[in-house]
Amino acid sequence: MNLQSHFILMSDYNQRMNNQFYRIVEELNNFDRTENRGAFFKSITGTLNHILVGDLIWLTRFSKHSDRYVSLATLSDLPKPNGLDDVIIPDFKLLFETRKKVDLLICKWLKSEVEENDFKMLFEYSNSKGVVSKRDFGELVSHLFNHQTHHRGQLSTLFTQMKLDIGGTDFLSEIPDHQA
């Protein structure tokens, strides 16, 4: 397994899961989407926004890692979060459309612009408080996907409490079966 292939699978998984979760939320009324359910980001919409905020922050940082990352330049057309709890897109339909754009962007970036050696390099960035860090780029990309999965796990708990069937959520579905 090389990291690029792994992250491509993760981007496919991310895209599938986001679409699956958003399709469920799409069926809810606005009250159910925005009600404070005691989650860390309070509501379903708050949690979905937070996942997108995290993606936008990390992808904007990643855009500076290589001149080859031209697809990440389109991030400048999207909202700019100021904090991790920003509700940057309160309208659900626009949030869903933006989520789809970002998921396609992640897939394109990993499939056509990233090279395996990029993941072995150190990456220097500043966090939202201006603290500078220098970390392994591959681990940071892994964090991007882990962050999404973590918060979708919180959402799946909320959906279960609401008696909503979210379907299969295992990453296993993305891993090719070489037995067949």
C-alpha atoms as a PDB file:
ATOM      1  CA  MET A   1       0.000   0.000   0.000  1.00  0.00           C
ATOM      2  CA  ASN A   2       1.297   3.427  -0.861  1.00  0.00           C
ATOM      3  CA  LEU A   3      -0.118   6.522   0.799  1.00  0.00           C
ATOM      4  CA  GLN A   4      -1.453   8.093  -2.365  1.00  0.00           C
ATOM      5  CA  SER A   5      -3.554   5.014  -3.176  1.00  0.00           C
ATOM      6  CA  HIS A   6      -4.741   4.878   0.424  1.00  0.00           C
ATOM      7  CA  PHE A   7      -5.751   8.543   0.444  1.00  0.00           C
ATOM      8  CA  ILE A   8      -7.556   8.129  -2.881  1.00  0.00           C
ATOM      9  CA  LEU A   9      -9.599   5.345  -1.263  1.00  0.00           C
ATOM     10  CA  MET A  10     -10.200   7.626   1.721  1.00  0.00           C
ATOM     11  CA  SER A  11     -11.374  10.422  -0.576  1.00  0.00           C
ATOM     12  CA  ASP A  12     -13.801   8.027  -2.275  1.00  0.00           C
ATOM     13  CA  TYR A  13     -15.029   6.889   1.151  1.00  0.00           C
ATOM     14  CA  ASN A  14     -15.339  10.478   2.323  1.00  0.00           C
ATOM     15  CA  GLN A  15     -17.360  11.400  -0.756  1.00  0.00           C
ATOM     16  CA  ARG A  16     -19.659   8.389  -0.370  1.00  0.00           C
ATOM     17  CA  MET A  17     -20.233   8.959   3.330  1.00  0.00           C
ATOM     18  CA  ASN A  18     -20.862  12.683   2.993  1.00  0.00           C
ATOM     19  CA  ASN A  19     -23.379  12.040   0.237  1.00  0.00           C
ATOM     20  CA  GLN A  20     -25.032   9.313   2.327  1.00  0.00           C
ATOM     21  CA  PHE A  21     -25.273  11.535   5.412  1.00  0.00           C
ATOM     22  CA  TYR A  22     -26.438  14.627   3.521  1.00  0.00           C
ATOM     23  CA  ARG A  23     -29.174  12.607   1.786  1.00  0.00           C
ATOM     24  CA  ILE A  24     -30.567  11.721   5.224  1.00  0.00           C
ATOM     25  CA  VAL A  25     -30.326  15.305   6.467  1.00  0.00           C
ATOM     26  CA  GLU A  26     -31.972  16.510   3.262  1.00  0.00           C
ATOM     27  CA  GLU A  27     -35.159  14.696   4.338  1.00  0.00           C
ATOM     28  CA  LEU A  28     -35.268  16.491   7.712  1.00  0.00           C
ATOM     29  CA  ASN A  29     -37.045  19.751   8.320  1.00  0.00           C
ATOM     30  CA  ASN A  30     -35.041  22.838   9.255  1.00  0.00           C
ATOM     31  CA  PHE A  31     -35.926  22.544  12.946  1.00  0.00           C
ATOM     32  CA  ASP A  32     -34.565  18.987  13.136  1.00  0.00           C
ATOM     33  CA  ARG A  33     -31.397  20.067  11.311  1.00  0.00           C
ATOM     34  CA  THR A  34     -30.711  23.058  13.568  1.00  0.00           C
ATOM     35  CA  GLU A  35     -32.012  21.889  16.972  1.00  0.00           C
ATOM     36  CA  ASN A  36     -29.383  21.827  19.715  1.00  0.00           C
ATOM     37  CA  ARG A  37     -28.992  18.090  20.299  1.00  0.00           C
ATOM     38  CA  GLY A  38     -26.159  18.370  22.814  1.00  0.00           C
ATOM     39  CA  ALA A  39     -23.474  17.543  20.264  1.00  0.00           C
ATOM     40  CA  PHE A  40     -20.124  19.311  20.474  1.00  0.00           C
ATOM     41  CA  PHE A  41     -21.208  21.609  17.638  1.00  0.00           C
ATOM     42  CA  LYS A  42     -24.761  21.528  18.991  1.00  0.00           C
ATOM     43  CA  SER A  43     -26.861  20.651  15.934  1.00  0.00           C
ATOM     44  CA  ILE A  44     -26.662  18.486  12.847  1.00  0.00           C
ATOM     45  CA  THR A  45     -26.111  21.609  10.745  1.00  0.00           C
ATOM     46  CA  GLY A  46     -23.468  22.839  13.188  1.00  0.00           C
ATOM     47  CA  THR A  47     -21.606  19.539  12.911  1.00  0.00           C
ATOM     48  CA  LEU A  48     -21.842  19.438   9.103  1.00  0.00           C
ATOM     49  CA  ASN A  49     -20.554  23.014   8.976  1.00  0.00           C
ATOM     50  CA  HIS A  50     -17.685  22.137  11.302  1.00  0.00           C
ATOM     51  CA  ILE A  51     -16.585  19.237   9.096  1.00  0.00           C
ATOM     52  CA  LEU A  52     -16.617  21.567   6.083  1.00  0.00           C
ATOM     53  CA  VAL A  53     -14.782  24.298   8.024  1.00  0.00           C
ATOM     54  CA  GLY A  54     -12.056  21.814   8.956  1.00  0.00           C
ATOM     55  CA  ASP A  55     -11.729  20.703   5.352  1.00  0.00           C
ATOM     56  CA  LEU A  56     -11.518  24.275   4.059  1.00  0.00           C
ATOM     57  CA  ILE A  57      -8.901  25.249   6.638  1.00  0.00           C
ATOM     58  CA  TRP A  58      -6.704  22.208   5.980  1.00  0.00           C
ATOM     59  CA  LEU A  59      -7.069  22.262   2.197  1.00  0.00           C
ATOM     60  CA  THR A  60      -6.216  25.977   2.110  1.00  0.00           C
ATOM     61  CA  ARG A  61      -3.084  25.207   4.109  1.00  0.00           C
ATOM     62  CA  PHE A  62      -2.272  22.245   1.866  1.00  0.00           C
ATOM     63  CA  SER A  63      -2.555  24.449  -1.243  1.00  0.00           C
ATOM     64  CA  LYS A  64       0.759  26.019  -0.250  1.00  0.00           C
ATOM     65  CA  HIS A  65       2.615  22.674  -0.138  1.00  0.00           C
ATOM     66  CA  SER A  66       3.205  22.426  -3.891  1.00  0.00           C
ATOM     67  CA  ASP A  67       2.774  24.508  -7.038  1.00  0.00           C
ATOM     68  CA  ARG A  68       1.170  21.392  -8.589  1.00  0.00           C
ATOM     69  CA  TYR A  69      -1.900  21.756  -6.350  1.00  0.00           C
ATOM     70  CA  VAL A  70      -3.743  23.984  -8.819  1.00  0.00           C
ATOM     71  CA  SER A  71      -7.209  22.576  -8.070  1.00  0.00           C
ATOM     72  CA  LEU A  72      -6.890  23.821  -4.493  1.00  0.00           C
ATOM     73  CA  ALA A  73      -6.683  27.388  -5.844  1.00  0.00           C
ATOM     74  CA  THR A  74     -10.455  27.209  -6.403  1.00  0.00           C
ATOM     75  CA  LEU A  75     -10.886  27.267  -2.629  1.00  0.00           C
ATOM     76  CA  SER A  76     -10.641  31.060  -2.863  1.00  0.00           C
ATOM     77  CA  ASP A  77     -14.187  31.011  -4.293  1.00  0.00           C
ATOM     78  CA  LEU A  78     -15.578  29.379  -1.130  1.00  0.00           C
ATOM     79  CA  PRO A  79     -16.418  30.917   2.259  1.00  0.00           C
ATOM     80  CA  LYS A  80     -13.498  31.670   4.577  1.00  0.00           C
ATOM     81  CA  PRO A  81     -14.060  30.366   8.108  1.00  0.00           C
ATOM     82  CA  ASN A  82     -12.794  32.445  11.026  1.00  0.00           C
ATOM     83  CA  GLY A  83     -13.199  29.763  13.667  1.00  0.00           C
ATOM     84  CA  LEU A  84     -13.858  26.060  14.053  1.00  0.00           C
ATOM     85  CA  ASP A  85     -17.444  26.594  15.183  1.00  0.00           C
ATOM     86  CA  ASP A  86     -18.388  29.006  12.376  1.00  0.00           C
ATOM     87  CA  VAL A  87     -21.635  28.230  10.621  1.00  0.00           C
ATOM     88  CA  ILE A  88     -20.326  29.454   7.298  1.00  0.00           C
ATOM     89  CA  ILE A  89     -23.278  28.241   5.220  1.00  0.00           C
ATOM     90  CA  PRO A  90     -26.573  28.187   7.166  1.00  0.00           C
ATOM     91  CA  ASP A  91     -28.665  27.282   4.090  1.00  0.00           C
ATOM     92  CA  PHE A  92     -28.752  23.477   3.842  1.00  0.00           C
ATOM     93  CA  LYS A  93     -29.031  23.246   0.045  1.00  0.00           C
ATOM     94  CA  LEU A  94     -26.050  25.548  -0.425  1.00  0.00           C
ATOM     95  CA  LEU A  95     -24.152  23.640   2.275  1.00  0.00           C
ATOM     96  CA  PHE A  96     -24.810  20.355   0.437  1.00  0.00           C
ATOM     97  CA  GLU A  97     -23.735  21.845  -2.915  1.00  0.00           C
ATOM     98  CA  THR A  98     -20.544  23.198  -1.348  1.00  0.00           C
ATOM     99  CA  ARG A  99     -19.852  19.840   0.315  1.00  0.00           C
ATOM    100  CA  LYS A 100     -20.132  18.103  -3.067  1.00  0.00           C
ATOM    101  CA  LYS A 101     -17.738  20.630  -4.661  1.00  0.00           C
ATOM    102  CA  VAL A 102     -15.184  20.180  -1.890  1.00  0.00           C
ATOM    103  CA  ASP A 103     -15.427  16.380  -2.062  1.00  0.00           C
ATOM    104  CA  LEU A 104     -14.842  16.453  -5.830  1.00  0.00           C
ATOM    105  CA  LEU A 105     -11.940  18.820  -5.282  1.00  0.00           C
ATOM    106  CA  ILE A 106     -10.330  16.473  -2.734  1.00  0.00           C
ATOM    107  CA  CYS A 107     -10.691  13.529  -5.136  1.00  0.00           C
ATOM    108  CA  LYS A 108      -9.245  15.478  -8.075  1.00  0.00           C
ATOM    109  CA  TRP A 109      -6.361  16.833  -5.995  1.00  0.00           C
ATOM    110  CA  LEU A 110      -5.339  13.391  -4.745  1.00  0.00           C
ATOM    111  CA  LYS A 111      -5.821  11.602  -8.064  1.00  0.00           C
ATOM    112  CA  SER A 112      -4.126  14.078 -10.382  1.00  0.00           C
ATOM    113  CA  GLU A 113      -1.926  16.563  -8.510  1.00  0.00           C
ATOM    114  CA  VAL A 114      -0.371  14.874  -5.484  1.00  0.00           C
ATOM    115  CA  GLU A 115       2.716  12.708  -5.844  1.00  0.00           C
ATOM    116  CA  GLU A 116       3.709   9.951  -3.427  1.00  0.00           C
ATOM    117  CA  ASN A 117       6.841  11.822  -2.330  1.00  0.00           C
ATOM    118  CA  ASP A 118       4.730  14.785  -1.176  1.00  0.00           C
ATOM    119  CA  PHE A 119       3.522  12.700   1.757  1.00  0.00           C
ATOM    120  CA  LYS A 120       7.078  12.117   2.987  1.00  0.00           C
ATOM    121  CA  MET A 121       7.866  15.803   3.308  1.00  0.00           C
ATOM    122  CA  LEU A 122       7.470  18.090   6.283  1.00  0.00           C
ATOM    123  CA  PHE A 123       4.870  20.817   6.015  1.00  0.00           C
ATOM    124  CA  GLU A 124       4.987  24.104   7.886  1.00  0.00           C
ATOM    125  CA  TYR A 125       1.760  25.966   8.641  1.00  0.00           C
ATOM    126  CA  SER A 126       0.212  28.307  11.184  1.00  0.00           C
ATOM    127  CA  ASN A 127      -2.886  27.313  13.110  1.00  0.00           C
ATOM    128  CA  SER A 128      -5.853  29.646  13.669  1.00  0.00           C
ATOM    129  CA  LYS A 129      -4.072  31.209  16.659  1.00  0.00           C
ATOM    130  CA  GLY A 130      -0.891  31.856  14.678  1.00  0.00           C
ATOM    131  CA  VAL A 131       1.141  29.040  16.256  1.00  0.00           C
ATOM    132  CA  VAL A 132       3.597  27.655  13.703  1.00  0.00           C
ATOM    133  CA  SER A 133       4.037  23.894  13.391  1.00  0.00           C
ATOM    134  CA  LYS A 134       6.111  21.698  11.100  1.00  0.00           C
ATOM    135  CA  ARG A 135       4.658  18.218  10.695  1.00  0.00           C
ATOM    136  CA  ASP A 136       4.698  15.210   8.405  1.00  0.00           C
ATOM    137  CA  PHE A 137       2.461  16.035   5.431  1.00  0.00           C
ATOM    138  CA  GLY A 138       1.147  12.483   5.069  1.00  0.00           C
ATOM    139  CA  GLU A 139       0.045  12.467   8.709  1.00  0.00           C
ATOM    140  CA  LEU A 140      -1.739  15.788   8.188  1.00  0.00           C
ATOM    141  CA  VAL A 141      -3.644  14.423   5.194  1.00  0.00           C
ATOM    142  CA  SER A 142      -4.533  11.427   7.345  1.00  0.00           C
ATOM    143  CA  HIS A 143      -5.788  13.857   9.990  1.00  0.00           C
ATOM    144  CA  LEU A 144      -8.035  15.516   7.382  1.00  0.00           C
ATOM    145  CA  PHE A 145      -9.859  12.232   6.815  1.00  0.00           C
ATOM    146  CA  ASN A 146      -9.799  11.132  10.459  1.00  0.00           C
ATOM    147  CA  HIS A 147     -11.381  14.441  11.489  1.00  0.00           C
ATOM    148  CA  GLN A 148     -14.249  13.913   9.052  1.00  0.00           C
ATOM    149  CA  THR A 149     -14.814  10.339  10.200  1.00  0.00           C
ATOM    150  CA  HIS A 150     -14.736  11.374  13.856  1.00  0.00           C
ATOM    151  CA  HIS A 151     -17.494  13.944  13.421  1.00  0.00           C
ATOM    152  CA  ARG A 152     -19.585  11.729  11.135  1.00  0.00           C
ATOM    153  CA  GLY A 153     -19.470   9.230  14.010  1.00  0.00           C
ATOM    154  CA  GLN A 154     -21.050  11.895  16.212  1.00  0.00           C
ATOM    155  CA  LEU A 155     -23.688  12.479  13.564  1.00  0.00           C
ATOM    156  CA  SER A 156     -24.433   8.780  13.278  1.00  0.00           C
ATOM    157  CA  THR A 157     -25.135   8.755  17.027  1.00  0.00           C
ATOM    158  CA  LEU A 158     -27.569  11.637  16.591  1.00  0.00           C
ATOM    159  CA  PHE A 159     -29.230   9.860  13.662  1.00  0.00           C
ATOM    160  CA  THR A 160     -29.553   6.647  15.669  1.00  0.00           C
ATOM    161  CA  GLN A 161     -31.155   8.603  18.532  1.00  0.00           C
ATOM    162  CA  MET A 162     -33.594  10.018  15.966  1.00  0.00           C
ATOM    163  CA  LYS A 163     -34.288   6.448  14.741  1.00  0.00           C
ATOM    164  CA  LEU A 164     -32.881   7.233  11.278  1.00  0.00           C
ATOM    165  CA  ASP A 165     -31.190   4.426   9.350  1.00  0.00           C
ATOM    166  CA  ILE A 166     -27.907   5.697   7.937  1.00  0.00           C
ATOM    167  CA  GLY A 167     -26.954   2.474   6.167  1.00  0.00           C
ATOM    168  CA  GLY A 168     -23.490   0.968   5.972  1.00  0.00           C
ATOM    169  CA  THR A 169     -20.626   3.188   7.062  1.00  0.00           C
ATOM    170  CA  ASP A 170     -17.615   0.862   6.853  1.00  0.00           C
ATOM    171  CA  PHE A 171     -14.509   1.891   4.940  1.00  0.00           C
ATOM    172  CA  LEU A 172     -14.216  -1.793   3.985  1.00  0.00           C
ATOM    173  CA  SER A 173     -16.544  -1.146   1.017  1.00  0.00           C
ATOM    174  CA  GLU A 174     -13.851   0.999  -0.632  1.00  0.00           C
ATOM    175  CA  ILE A 175     -11.068  -1.568  -0.258  1.00  0.00           C
ATOM    176  CA  PRO A 176     -10.874  -3.671  -3.428  1.00  0.00           C
ATOM    177  CA  ASP A 177     -11.542  -7.392  -2.979  1.00  0.00           C
ATOM    178  CA  HIS A 178      -8.877  -9.231  -4.943  1.00  0.00           C
ATOM    179  CA  GLN A 179     -10.578 -12.590  -4.358  1.00  0.00           C
ATOM    180  CA  ALA A 180     -13.261 -11.869  -6.951  1.00  0.00           C
END
